[in-house]
Amino acid sequence: MYHITIKPDSYTLKEKQIGQNPYGDKKSKINKQEASKQHKVITHTLENNINFSLKHATDSVPDLVFIASGCLSLPRLPHSLIILPNMKYAQRKAELPYLKEIFAELQIATVDWPAQAPFEGQAECKWFHGGELLIVGYGFRSNKETVHVLRNLLDDIYTSYGVKPPTVLGVNLISFNSYHLDIAMLATSEISCLIQKDSIKDRDLYKIEKELGKAQVKIIETNDPFCLNSIIDGKNLLTHKLNNPELKDFLETETGKSVVELDTSEFEKSGGSVRCLVLDIYDPRLIKRKKQSTSCPSSPK
């Protein structure tokens, strides 16, 4: 697996974006120089990353930097394959041509989303059990139909390769503060996770416990909204600047990783943090890409 990031060349916060998540504020102004500096630190910290930049920045795609919504990459297949998104909001729908050109440059096969229901890729999904279990959040940027469509699509794709399809478990997000699953949940291993209290409907928490084991699912209660919007990356857990020093010790104990705090304050103004800025790609060609982690391929015109 490797990561994809996109430089915040087009990143901005417009009035029409306010209200699309609970974190945008009309009074907030993006410091583009600071955002670029913060993003550079993140990309340099990631172990295996390809960082794209827009040749011509355009404010028509102000959220493109939040690339985690850009697709869902599928593990356990003989070649790299991703499902493209169907974003809920217009400014995010405009990202699709840029995303397609990036994936074409990386020679990643793509599958179009086949329905009207919204689908925002990795931001709503967590893989477990080596890619045999997919937990999908719905409620704010997606709905029950999203889960149904995704389950059927994955059945068709995996069956066509003669590979057992993953189990797809839809969970209802009930707190707008956790408008995407990647804010509500952190996968701490292939079989365990942390979940923000009151972010997922109780009946669905029981379903997660049934799939992973009750001892593997831990509920945390914190007023730090982005502490789980984090990445397990090798020996490290990459997270934002935690608002409580006890959280660092807790996360290190729970994950067995060294917590690395990264400043994402400029991106939090628009509702995203570390996990939102990084897209994971499953690719059997990883060995060929490992030395490209500091490169910056050209990106869509």
C-alpha atoms as a PDB file:
ATOM      1  CA  MET A   1       0.000   0.000   0.000  1.00  0.00           C
ATOM      2  CA  TYR A   2       1.115   3.543  -0.709  1.00  0.00           C
ATOM      3  CA  HIS A   3      -0.450   6.980  -0.192  1.00  0.00           C
ATOM      4  CA  ILE A   4      -1.559   9.797  -2.461  1.00  0.00           C
ATOM      5  CA  THR A   5      -1.716  13.438  -1.387  1.00  0.00           C
ATOM      6  CA  ILE A   6      -2.505  16.616  -3.337  1.00  0.00           C
ATOM      7  CA  LYS A   7      -0.871  19.946  -2.577  1.00  0.00           C
ATOM      8  CA  PRO A   8      -3.310  22.616  -1.325  1.00  0.00           C
ATOM      9  CA  ASP A   9      -2.817  24.759  -4.450  1.00  0.00           C
ATOM     10  CA  SER A  10      -6.568  25.190  -4.917  1.00  0.00           C
ATOM     11  CA  TYR A  11      -7.504  25.033  -1.244  1.00  0.00           C
ATOM     12  CA  THR A  12      -9.854  27.726   0.002  1.00  0.00           C
ATOM     13  CA  LEU A  13     -13.011  28.138   2.071  1.00  0.00           C
ATOM     14  CA  LYS A  14     -15.968  29.725   0.341  1.00  0.00           C
ATOM     15  CA  GLU A  15     -19.290  30.809   1.746  1.00  0.00           C
ATOM     16  CA  LYS A  16     -21.119  28.049  -0.160  1.00  0.00           C
ATOM     17  CA  GLN A  17     -19.071  25.445   1.736  1.00  0.00           C
ATOM     18  CA  ILE A  18     -20.207  26.721   5.124  1.00  0.00           C
ATOM     19  CA  GLY A  19     -22.710  24.296   6.637  1.00  0.00           C
ATOM     20  CA  GLN A  20     -21.571  21.293   4.622  1.00  0.00           C
ATOM     21  CA  ASN A  21     -19.865  20.129   7.810  1.00  0.00           C
ATOM     22  CA  PRO A  22     -19.924  21.511  11.367  1.00  0.00           C
ATOM     23  CA  TYR A  23     -16.448  23.010  11.312  1.00  0.00           C
ATOM     24  CA  GLY A  24     -16.526  25.743   8.661  1.00  0.00           C
ATOM     25  CA  ASP A  25     -17.018  29.294   9.872  1.00  0.00           C
ATOM     26  CA  LYS A  26     -17.734  32.433   7.851  1.00  0.00           C
ATOM     27  CA  LYS A  27     -15.126  34.224   9.932  1.00  0.00           C
ATOM     28  CA  SER A  28     -12.424  31.700   9.066  1.00  0.00           C
ATOM     29  CA  LYS A  29      -9.840  32.706   6.492  1.00  0.00           C
ATOM     30  CA  ILE A  30      -7.389  30.224   5.015  1.00  0.00           C
ATOM     31  CA  ASN A  31      -3.740  31.176   5.302  1.00  0.00           C
ATOM     32  CA  LYS A  32      -2.547  29.525   2.085  1.00  0.00           C
ATOM     33  CA  GLN A  33       1.124  29.893   2.944  1.00  0.00           C
ATOM     34  CA  GLU A  34       0.608  28.205   6.309  1.00  0.00           C
ATOM     35  CA  ALA A  35      -1.601  25.506   4.749  1.00  0.00           C
ATOM     36  CA  SER A  36       1.158  24.732   2.257  1.00  0.00           C
ATOM     37  CA  LYS A  37       3.723  24.530   5.043  1.00  0.00           C
ATOM     38  CA  GLN A  38       1.532  22.191   7.129  1.00  0.00           C
ATOM     39  CA  HIS A  39       0.790  19.976   4.144  1.00  0.00           C
ATOM     40  CA  LYS A  40       4.483  19.706   3.265  1.00  0.00           C
ATOM     41  CA  VAL A  41       5.271  18.429   6.759  1.00  0.00           C
ATOM     42  CA  ILE A  42       2.551  15.776   6.456  1.00  0.00           C
ATOM     43  CA  THR A  43       3.762  14.538   3.068  1.00  0.00           C
ATOM     44  CA  HIS A  44       7.366  14.367   4.278  1.00  0.00           C
ATOM     45  CA  THR A  45       6.295  12.425   7.373  1.00  0.00           C
ATOM     46  CA  LEU A  46       4.420   9.718   5.458  1.00  0.00           C
ATOM     47  CA  GLU A  47       6.518   6.634   4.772  1.00  0.00           C
ATOM     48  CA  ASN A  48       5.393   5.919   1.215  1.00  0.00           C
ATOM     49  CA  ASN A  49       3.653   8.773  -0.527  1.00  0.00           C
ATOM     50  CA  ILE A  50       3.136  10.308  -3.971  1.00  0.00           C
ATOM     51  CA  ASN A  51       2.365  14.021  -3.749  1.00  0.00           C
ATOM     52  CA  PHE A  52       0.569  15.674  -6.670  1.00  0.00           C
ATOM     53  CA  SER A  53       0.367  19.360  -7.448  1.00  0.00           C
ATOM     54  CA  LEU A  54      -2.049  21.151  -9.732  1.00  0.00           C
ATOM     55  CA  LYS A  55      -0.343  22.722 -12.730  1.00  0.00           C
ATOM     56  CA  HIS A  56      -2.971  25.418 -12.724  1.00  0.00           C
ATOM     57  CA  ALA A  57      -4.643  25.976  -9.358  1.00  0.00           C
ATOM     58  CA  THR A  58      -8.357  26.639  -9.601  1.00  0.00           C
ATOM     59  CA  ASP A  59     -10.770  27.557  -6.850  1.00  0.00           C
ATOM     60  CA  SER A  60     -13.461  25.460  -8.552  1.00  0.00           C
ATOM     61  CA  VAL A  61     -12.087  22.517  -6.541  1.00  0.00           C
ATOM     62  CA  PRO A  62     -11.412  24.053  -3.098  1.00  0.00           C
ATOM     63  CA  ASP A  63     -11.662  20.665  -1.327  1.00  0.00           C
ATOM     64  CA  LEU A  64      -9.480  18.615  -3.674  1.00  0.00           C
ATOM     65  CA  VAL A  65      -6.731  18.556  -1.042  1.00  0.00           C
ATOM     66  CA  PHE A  66      -9.033  16.306   1.029  1.00  0.00           C
ATOM     67  CA  ILE A  67      -8.167  13.410  -1.267  1.00  0.00           C
ATOM     68  CA  ALA A  68      -9.451  10.674   1.076  1.00  0.00           C
ATOM     69  CA  SER A  69     -12.863  11.155  -0.544  1.00  0.00           C
ATOM     70  CA  GLY A  70     -11.327  10.633  -3.973  1.00  0.00           C
ATOM     71  CA  CYS A  71     -11.947   6.898  -4.292  1.00  0.00           C
ATOM     72  CA  LEU A  72     -12.101   3.553  -2.523  1.00  0.00           C
ATOM     73  CA  SER A  73      -9.084   1.355  -3.281  1.00  0.00           C
ATOM     74  CA  LEU A  74      -9.788  -2.380  -3.277  1.00  0.00           C
ATOM     75  CA  PRO A  75      -7.411  -4.845  -1.580  1.00  0.00           C
ATOM     76  CA  ARG A  76      -6.834  -8.535  -2.426  1.00  0.00           C
ATOM     77  CA  LEU A  77      -7.126  -8.080  -6.192  1.00  0.00           C
ATOM     78  CA  PRO A  78      -4.427  -8.998  -8.751  1.00  0.00           C
ATOM     79  CA  HIS A  79      -4.005  -5.378  -9.831  1.00  0.00           C
ATOM     80  CA  SER A  80      -4.783  -1.956  -8.413  1.00  0.00           C
ATOM     81  CA  LEU A  81      -8.466  -1.100  -8.825  1.00  0.00           C
ATOM     82  CA  ILE A  82     -10.475   1.764  -7.345  1.00  0.00           C
ATOM     83  CA  ILE A  83     -14.120   2.804  -7.215  1.00  0.00           C
ATOM     84  CA  LEU A  84     -14.614   6.450  -8.129  1.00  0.00           C
ATOM     85  CA  PRO A  85     -16.765   8.678  -5.909  1.00  0.00           C
ATOM     86  CA  ASN A  86     -20.086  10.386  -6.447  1.00  0.00           C
ATOM     87  CA  MET A  87     -19.713  13.426  -4.212  1.00  0.00           C
ATOM     88  CA  LYS A  88     -22.700  15.009  -2.526  1.00  0.00           C
ATOM     89  CA  TYR A  89     -21.831  18.659  -3.158  1.00  0.00           C
ATOM     90  CA  ALA A  90     -21.230  20.449  -6.469  1.00  0.00           C
ATOM     91  CA  GLN A  91     -17.751  21.772  -5.700  1.00  0.00           C
ATOM     92  CA  ARG A  92     -16.644  18.241  -4.881  1.00  0.00           C
ATOM     93  CA  LYS A  93     -18.291  16.735  -7.957  1.00  0.00           C
ATOM     94  CA  ALA A  94     -16.025  19.055  -9.972  1.00  0.00           C
ATOM     95  CA  GLU A  95     -13.004  17.098  -8.693  1.00  0.00           C
ATOM     96  CA  LEU A  96     -13.763  13.998 -10.755  1.00  0.00           C
ATOM     97  CA  PRO A  97     -11.821  14.949 -13.932  1.00  0.00           C
ATOM     98  CA  TYR A  98      -8.732  15.732 -11.832  1.00  0.00           C
ATOM     99  CA  LEU A  99      -9.040  12.455  -9.972  1.00  0.00           C
ATOM    100  CA  LYS A 100      -9.418  10.457 -13.182  1.00  0.00           C
ATOM    101  CA  GLU A 101      -6.250  11.989 -14.629  1.00  0.00           C
ATOM    102  CA  ILE A 102      -4.282  11.223 -11.477  1.00  0.00           C
ATOM    103  CA  PHE A 103      -5.387   7.585 -11.483  1.00  0.00           C
ATOM    104  CA  ALA A 104      -4.699   7.309 -15.210  1.00  0.00           C
ATOM    105  CA  GLU A 105      -1.169   8.632 -14.675  1.00  0.00           C
ATOM    106  CA  LEU A 106      -0.613   6.024 -11.977  1.00  0.00           C
ATOM    107  CA  GLN A 107      -2.095   3.331 -14.261  1.00  0.00           C
ATOM    108  CA  ILE A 108      -4.769   2.441 -11.730  1.00  0.00           C
ATOM    109  CA  ALA A 109      -7.931   0.872 -13.121  1.00  0.00           C
ATOM    110  CA  THR A 110     -11.154   2.674 -12.199  1.00  0.00           C
ATOM    111  CA  VAL A 111     -14.795   1.726 -11.821  1.00  0.00           C
ATOM    112  CA  ASP A 112     -17.483   4.403 -12.086  1.00  0.00           C
ATOM    113  CA  TRP A 113     -20.032   4.687  -9.304  1.00  0.00           C
ATOM    114  CA  PRO A 114     -23.204   3.238 -10.865  1.00  0.00           C
ATOM    115  CA  ALA A 115     -25.956   5.041  -8.955  1.00  0.00           C
ATOM    116  CA  GLN A 116     -27.386   8.410  -7.934  1.00  0.00           C
ATOM    117  CA  ALA A 117     -26.744   7.766  -4.244  1.00  0.00           C
ATOM    118  CA  PRO A 118     -23.759   9.755  -2.983  1.00  0.00           C
ATOM    119  CA  PHE A 119     -20.495   7.979  -2.263  1.00  0.00           C
ATOM    120  CA  GLU A 120     -17.412   9.696  -0.836  1.00  0.00           C
ATOM    121  CA  GLY A 121     -14.858   6.931  -1.065  1.00  0.00           C
ATOM    122  CA  GLN A 122     -12.354   6.094   1.642  1.00  0.00           C
ATOM    123  CA  ALA A 123     -13.687   8.880   3.889  1.00  0.00           C
ATOM    124  CA  GLU A 124     -16.730   6.688   4.597  1.00  0.00           C
ATOM    125  CA  CYS A 125     -14.986   3.304   4.664  1.00  0.00           C
ATOM    126  CA  LYS A 126     -12.677   1.225   6.863  1.00  0.00           C
ATOM    127  CA  TRP A 127     -11.121  -2.083   5.832  1.00  0.00           C
ATOM    128  CA  PHE A 128     -10.571  -4.856   8.386  1.00  0.00           C
ATOM    129  CA  HIS A 129      -9.598  -8.533   8.368  1.00  0.00           C
ATOM    130  CA  GLY A 130      -7.116  -8.083   5.539  1.00  0.00           C
ATOM    131  CA  GLY A 131      -9.733  -6.583   3.265  1.00  0.00           C
ATOM    132  CA  GLU A 132     -12.408  -9.190   3.959  1.00  0.00           C
ATOM    133  CA  LEU A 133     -14.561  -6.799   6.000  1.00  0.00           C
ATOM    134  CA  LEU A 134     -15.564  -3.269   4.969  1.00  0.00           C
ATOM    135  CA  ILE A 135     -17.354  -0.979   7.412  1.00  0.00           C
ATOM    136  CA  VAL A 136     -19.223   1.829   5.666  1.00  0.00           C
ATOM    137  CA  GLY A 137     -20.599   4.920   7.395  1.00  0.00           C
ATOM    138  CA  TYR A 138     -23.761   6.642   6.205  1.00  0.00           C
ATOM    139  CA  GLY A 139     -26.025   9.427   7.370  1.00  0.00           C
ATOM    140  CA  PHE A 140     -24.628  12.789   6.264  1.00  0.00           C
ATOM    141  CA  ARG A 141     -22.605  12.389   3.036  1.00  0.00           C
ATOM    142  CA  SER A 142     -24.188   9.079   2.069  1.00  0.00           C
ATOM    143  CA  ASN A 143     -27.282   7.009   2.820  1.00  0.00           C
ATOM    144  CA  LYS A 144     -28.557   3.454   3.148  1.00  0.00           C
ATOM    145  CA  GLU A 145     -28.764   3.126  -0.619  1.00  0.00           C
ATOM    146  CA  THR A 146     -25.039   3.889  -0.784  1.00  0.00           C
ATOM    147  CA  VAL A 147     -24.323   0.825   1.324  1.00  0.00           C
ATOM    148  CA  HIS A 148     -26.624  -1.353  -0.776  1.00  0.00           C
ATOM    149  CA  VAL A 149     -25.074  -0.195  -4.050  1.00  0.00           C
ATOM    150  CA  LEU A 150     -21.537  -0.626  -2.734  1.00  0.00           C
ATOM    151  CA  ARG A 151     -22.235  -4.139  -1.458  1.00  0.00           C
ATOM    152  CA  ASN A 152     -23.622  -5.227  -4.833  1.00  0.00           C
ATOM    153  CA  LEU A 153     -20.818  -3.530  -6.746  1.00  0.00           C
ATOM    154  CA  LEU A 154     -18.126  -5.190  -4.638  1.00  0.00           C
ATOM    155  CA  ASP A 155     -19.840  -8.559  -5.054  1.00  0.00           C
ATOM    156  CA  ASP A 156     -19.706  -8.137  -8.838  1.00  0.00           C
ATOM    157  CA  ILE A 157     -16.100  -6.897  -8.917  1.00  0.00           C
ATOM    158  CA  TYR A 158     -14.584  -9.521  -6.628  1.00  0.00           C
ATOM    159  CA  THR A 159     -16.587 -12.362  -8.143  1.00  0.00           C
ATOM    160  CA  SER A 160     -15.342 -11.366 -11.608  1.00  0.00           C
ATOM    161  CA  TYR A 161     -11.771 -11.989 -10.368  1.00  0.00           C
ATOM    162  CA  GLY A 162     -12.676 -15.247  -8.664  1.00  0.00           C
ATOM    163  CA  VAL A 163     -12.012 -13.649  -5.265  1.00  0.00           C
ATOM    164  CA  LYS A 164     -14.366 -13.906  -2.299  1.00  0.00           C
ATOM    165  CA  PRO A 165     -16.244 -10.593  -1.937  1.00  0.00           C
ATOM    166  CA  PRO A 166     -15.828  -8.686   1.328  1.00  0.00           C
ATOM    167  CA  THR A 167     -18.537  -8.526   3.957  1.00  0.00           C
ATOM    168  CA  VAL A 168     -19.985  -5.004   3.876  1.00  0.00           C
ATOM    169  CA  LEU A 169     -21.354  -3.624   7.135  1.00  0.00           C
ATOM    170  CA  GLY A 170     -23.238  -0.323   7.005  1.00  0.00           C
ATOM    171  CA  VAL A 171     -23.244   1.779  10.182  1.00  0.00           C
ATOM    172  CA  ASN A 172     -25.417   4.810  10.816  1.00  0.00           C
ATOM    173  CA  LEU A 173     -23.512   7.976  11.736  1.00  0.00           C
ATOM    174  CA  ILE A 174     -25.699   9.987  14.109  1.00  0.00           C
ATOM    175  CA  SER A 175     -23.485  12.928  15.096  1.00  0.00           C
ATOM    176  CA  PHE A 176     -22.883  15.704  12.579  1.00  0.00           C
ATOM    177  CA  ASN A 177     -19.548  16.267  14.326  1.00  0.00           C
ATOM    178  CA  SER A 178     -18.571  12.912  12.811  1.00  0.00           C
ATOM    179  CA  TYR A 179     -20.017  13.560   9.382  1.00  0.00           C
ATOM    180  CA  HIS A 180     -17.625  11.023   7.824  1.00  0.00           C
ATOM    181  CA  LEU A 181     -16.652   7.637   9.234  1.00  0.00           C
ATOM    182  CA  ASP A 182     -12.983   8.661   9.196  1.00  0.00           C
ATOM    183  CA  ILE A 183     -13.736  11.192  11.925  1.00  0.00           C
ATOM    184  CA  ALA A 184     -15.849   8.799  13.982  1.00  0.00           C
ATOM    185  CA  MET A 185     -13.532   5.768  13.812  1.00  0.00           C
ATOM    186  CA  LEU A 186      -9.829   4.941  13.803  1.00  0.00           C
ATOM    187  CA  ALA A 187      -8.803   1.457  12.715  1.00  0.00           C
ATOM    188  CA  THR A 188      -6.007   0.621  15.156  1.00  0.00           C
ATOM    189  CA  SER A 189      -5.241  -2.741  13.514  1.00  0.00           C
ATOM    190  CA  GLU A 190      -6.769  -5.255  11.105  1.00  0.00           C
ATOM    191  CA  ILE A 191      -9.057  -6.427  13.915  1.00  0.00           C
ATOM    192  CA  SER A 192      -9.545  -3.433  16.240  1.00  0.00           C
ATOM    193  CA  CYS A 193     -10.756   0.140  16.333  1.00  0.00           C
ATOM    194  CA  LEU A 194     -11.478   3.209  18.425  1.00  0.00           C
ATOM    195  CA  ILE A 195     -14.857   4.942  18.071  1.00  0.00           C
ATOM    196  CA  GLN A 196     -16.000   8.360  19.252  1.00  0.00           C
ATOM    197  CA  LYS A 197     -18.828   8.080  21.782  1.00  0.00           C
ATOM    198  CA  ASP A 198     -22.283   8.924  20.388  1.00  0.00           C
ATOM    199  CA  SER A 199     -21.058   8.983  16.789  1.00  0.00           C
ATOM    200  CA  ILE A 200     -22.594   5.668  15.648  1.00  0.00           C
ATOM    201  CA  LYS A 201     -26.019   4.233  16.406  1.00  0.00           C
ATOM    202  CA  ASP A 202     -25.943   1.714  19.272  1.00  0.00           C
ATOM    203  CA  ARG A 203     -27.401  -1.150  17.254  1.00  0.00           C
ATOM    204  CA  ASP A 204     -24.597  -0.718  14.731  1.00  0.00           C
ATOM    205  CA  LEU A 205     -21.947  -0.650  17.456  1.00  0.00           C
ATOM    206  CA  TYR A 206     -23.179  -4.101  18.450  1.00  0.00           C
ATOM    207  CA  LYS A 207     -22.771  -5.241  14.838  1.00  0.00           C
ATOM    208  CA  ILE A 208     -19.189  -3.958  14.769  1.00  0.00           C
ATOM    209  CA  GLU A 209     -18.481  -5.769  18.051  1.00  0.00           C
ATOM    210  CA  LYS A 210     -19.937  -8.953  16.581  1.00  0.00           C
ATOM    211  CA  GLU A 211     -17.615  -8.737  13.573  1.00  0.00           C
ATOM    212  CA  LEU A 212     -14.431  -7.693  15.377  1.00  0.00           C
ATOM    213  CA  GLY A 213     -15.024  -8.982  18.898  1.00  0.00           C
ATOM    214  CA  LYS A 214     -16.250  -6.861  21.785  1.00  0.00           C
ATOM    215  CA  ALA A 215     -12.779  -6.477  23.293  1.00  0.00           C
ATOM    216  CA  GLN A 216     -11.464  -5.099  20.008  1.00  0.00           C
ATOM    217  CA  VAL A 217     -13.898  -2.180  19.875  1.00  0.00           C
ATOM    218  CA  LYS A 218     -13.238   0.654  22.310  1.00  0.00           C
ATOM    219  CA  ILE A 219     -15.418   3.711  22.737  1.00  0.00           C
ATOM    220  CA  ILE A 220     -13.707   6.948  23.700  1.00  0.00           C
ATOM    221  CA  GLU A 221     -15.302  10.149  24.937  1.00  0.00           C
ATOM    222  CA  THR A 222     -13.340  13.275  24.116  1.00  0.00           C
ATOM    223  CA  ASN A 223     -13.973  16.833  23.010  1.00  0.00           C
ATOM    224  CA  ASP A 224     -11.131  16.557  20.502  1.00  0.00           C
ATOM    225  CA  PRO A 225     -13.077  16.128  17.236  1.00  0.00           C
ATOM    226  CA  PHE A 226     -10.109  15.141  15.057  1.00  0.00           C
ATOM    227  CA  CYS A 227      -8.115  12.823  17.309  1.00  0.00           C
ATOM    228  CA  LEU A 228      -9.392   9.757  15.421  1.00  0.00           C
ATOM    229  CA  ASN A 229      -8.954  11.375  12.005  1.00  0.00           C
ATOM    230  CA  SER A 230      -5.504   9.830  12.059  1.00  0.00           C
ATOM    231  CA  ILE A 231      -3.297   7.315  10.256  1.00  0.00           C
ATOM    232  CA  ILE A 232      -1.393   4.258  11.383  1.00  0.00           C
ATOM    233  CA  ASP A 233       1.746   4.549   9.257  1.00  0.00           C
ATOM    234  CA  GLY A 234       4.460   2.011  10.007  1.00  0.00           C
ATOM    235  CA  LYS A 235       5.654   2.473  13.568  1.00  0.00           C
ATOM    236  CA  ASN A 236       3.818   5.795  13.937  1.00  0.00           C
ATOM    237  CA  LEU A 237       0.328   7.106  14.518  1.00  0.00           C
ATOM    238  CA  LEU A 238       0.016  10.386  12.642  1.00  0.00           C
ATOM    239  CA  THR A 239      -2.550  12.711  14.186  1.00  0.00           C
ATOM    240  CA  HIS A 240      -3.242  16.415  14.595  1.00  0.00           C
ATOM    241  CA  LYS A 241      -2.160  18.614  17.478  1.00  0.00           C
ATOM    242  CA  LEU A 242      -4.109  16.947  20.294  1.00  0.00           C
ATOM    243  CA  ASN A 243      -6.008  19.228  22.633  1.00  0.00           C
ATOM    244  CA  ASN A 244      -5.317  17.052  25.668  1.00  0.00           C
ATOM    245  CA  PRO A 245      -1.859  15.701  26.614  1.00  0.00           C
ATOM    246  CA  GLU A 246      -3.445  12.600  28.134  1.00  0.00           C
ATOM    247  CA  LEU A 247      -4.757  11.656  24.700  1.00  0.00           C
ATOM    248  CA  LYS A 248      -1.242  11.056  23.403  1.00  0.00           C
ATOM    249  CA  ASP A 249      -0.490   8.502  26.128  1.00  0.00           C
ATOM    250  CA  PHE A 250      -3.877   6.880  25.595  1.00  0.00           C
ATOM    251  CA  LEU A 251      -3.418   6.553  21.835  1.00  0.00           C
ATOM    252  CA  GLU A 252       0.091   5.163  22.201  1.00  0.00           C
ATOM    253  CA  THR A 253      -1.137   2.594  24.718  1.00  0.00           C
ATOM    254  CA  GLU A 254      -4.066   1.536  22.540  1.00  0.00           C
ATOM    255  CA  THR A 255      -2.140   1.299  19.281  1.00  0.00           C
ATOM    256  CA  GLY A 256       1.397   0.408  20.353  1.00  0.00           C
ATOM    257  CA  LYS A 257       2.572   3.153  17.997  1.00  0.00           C
ATOM    258  CA  SER A 258       4.527   6.354  18.542  1.00  0.00           C
ATOM    259  CA  VAL A 259       2.162   9.323  18.256  1.00  0.00           C
ATOM    260  CA  VAL A 260       3.392  12.028  15.904  1.00  0.00           C
ATOM    261  CA  GLU A 261       1.379  15.250  16.229  1.00  0.00           C
ATOM    262  CA  LEU A 262       1.090  17.327  13.062  1.00  0.00           C
ATOM    263  CA  ASP A 263      -0.336  20.811  12.775  1.00  0.00           C
ATOM    264  CA  THR A 264      -3.448  20.689  10.559  1.00  0.00           C
ATOM    265  CA  SER A 265      -5.112  23.819  11.929  1.00  0.00           C
ATOM    266  CA  GLU A 266      -5.569  25.418   8.501  1.00  0.00           C
ATOM    267  CA  PHE A 267      -7.350  22.333   7.195  1.00  0.00           C
ATOM    268  CA  GLU A 268      -9.505  21.940  10.282  1.00  0.00           C
ATOM    269  CA  LYS A 269     -11.058  25.313   9.391  1.00  0.00           C
ATOM    270  CA  SER A 270     -12.720  23.463   6.515  1.00  0.00           C
ATOM    271  CA  GLY A 271     -13.501  20.277   8.430  1.00  0.00           C
ATOM    272  CA  GLY A 272     -10.584  17.941   7.768  1.00  0.00           C
ATOM    273  CA  SER A 273      -7.382  16.724   9.364  1.00  0.00           C
ATOM    274  CA  VAL A 274      -4.628  14.158   8.726  1.00  0.00           C
ATOM    275  CA  ARG A 275      -6.782  11.228   7.573  1.00  0.00           C
ATOM    276  CA  CYS A 276      -8.843  13.439   5.240  1.00  0.00           C
ATOM    277  CA  LEU A 277      -5.665  14.585   3.485  1.00  0.00           C
ATOM    278  CA  VAL A 278      -4.287  11.139   2.657  1.00  0.00           C
ATOM    279  CA  LEU A 279      -5.623   8.475   0.289  1.00  0.00           C
ATOM    280  CA  ASP A 280      -4.507   4.844   0.626  1.00  0.00           C
ATOM    281  CA  ILE A 281      -3.887   2.817  -2.523  1.00  0.00           C
ATOM    282  CA  TYR A 282      -3.618  -0.978  -2.527  1.00  0.00           C
ATOM    283  CA  ASP A 283      -1.310  -1.936  -5.358  1.00  0.00           C
ATOM    284  CA  PRO A 284       0.658  -5.165  -6.042  1.00  0.00           C
ATOM    285  CA  ARG A 285       3.234  -2.927  -7.766  1.00  0.00           C
ATOM    286  CA  LEU A 286       4.152  -1.289  -4.440  1.00  0.00           C
ATOM    287  CA  ILE A 287       7.734  -2.527  -4.645  1.00  0.00           C
ATOM    288  CA  LYS A 288       8.159  -0.532  -7.855  1.00  0.00           C
ATOM    289  CA  ARG A 289       6.799   2.642  -6.264  1.00  0.00           C
ATOM    290  CA  LYS A 290       8.630   2.599  -2.981  1.00  0.00           C
ATOM    291  CA  LYS A 291      11.430   4.867  -4.196  1.00  0.00           C
ATOM    292  CA  GLN A 292       8.903   7.414  -5.499  1.00  0.00           C
ATOM    293  CA  SER A 293       7.727   8.505  -2.086  1.00  0.00           C
ATOM    294  CA  THR A 294       9.279  11.966  -2.346  1.00  0.00           C
ATOM    295  CA  SER A 295       8.513  12.546  -6.003  1.00  0.00           C
ATOM    296  CA  CYS A 296       5.928  14.997  -7.252  1.00  0.00           C
ATOM    297  CA  PRO A 297       4.359  13.772 -10.496  1.00  0.00           C
ATOM    298  CA  SER A 298       2.599  16.216 -12.750  1.00  0.00           C
ATOM    299  CA  SER A 299      -1.119  16.516 -12.188  1.00  0.00           C
ATOM    300  CA  PRO A 300      -4.202  17.289 -14.276  1.00  0.00           C
ATOM    301  CA  LYS A 301      -4.346  20.391 -16.413  1.00  0.00           C
END
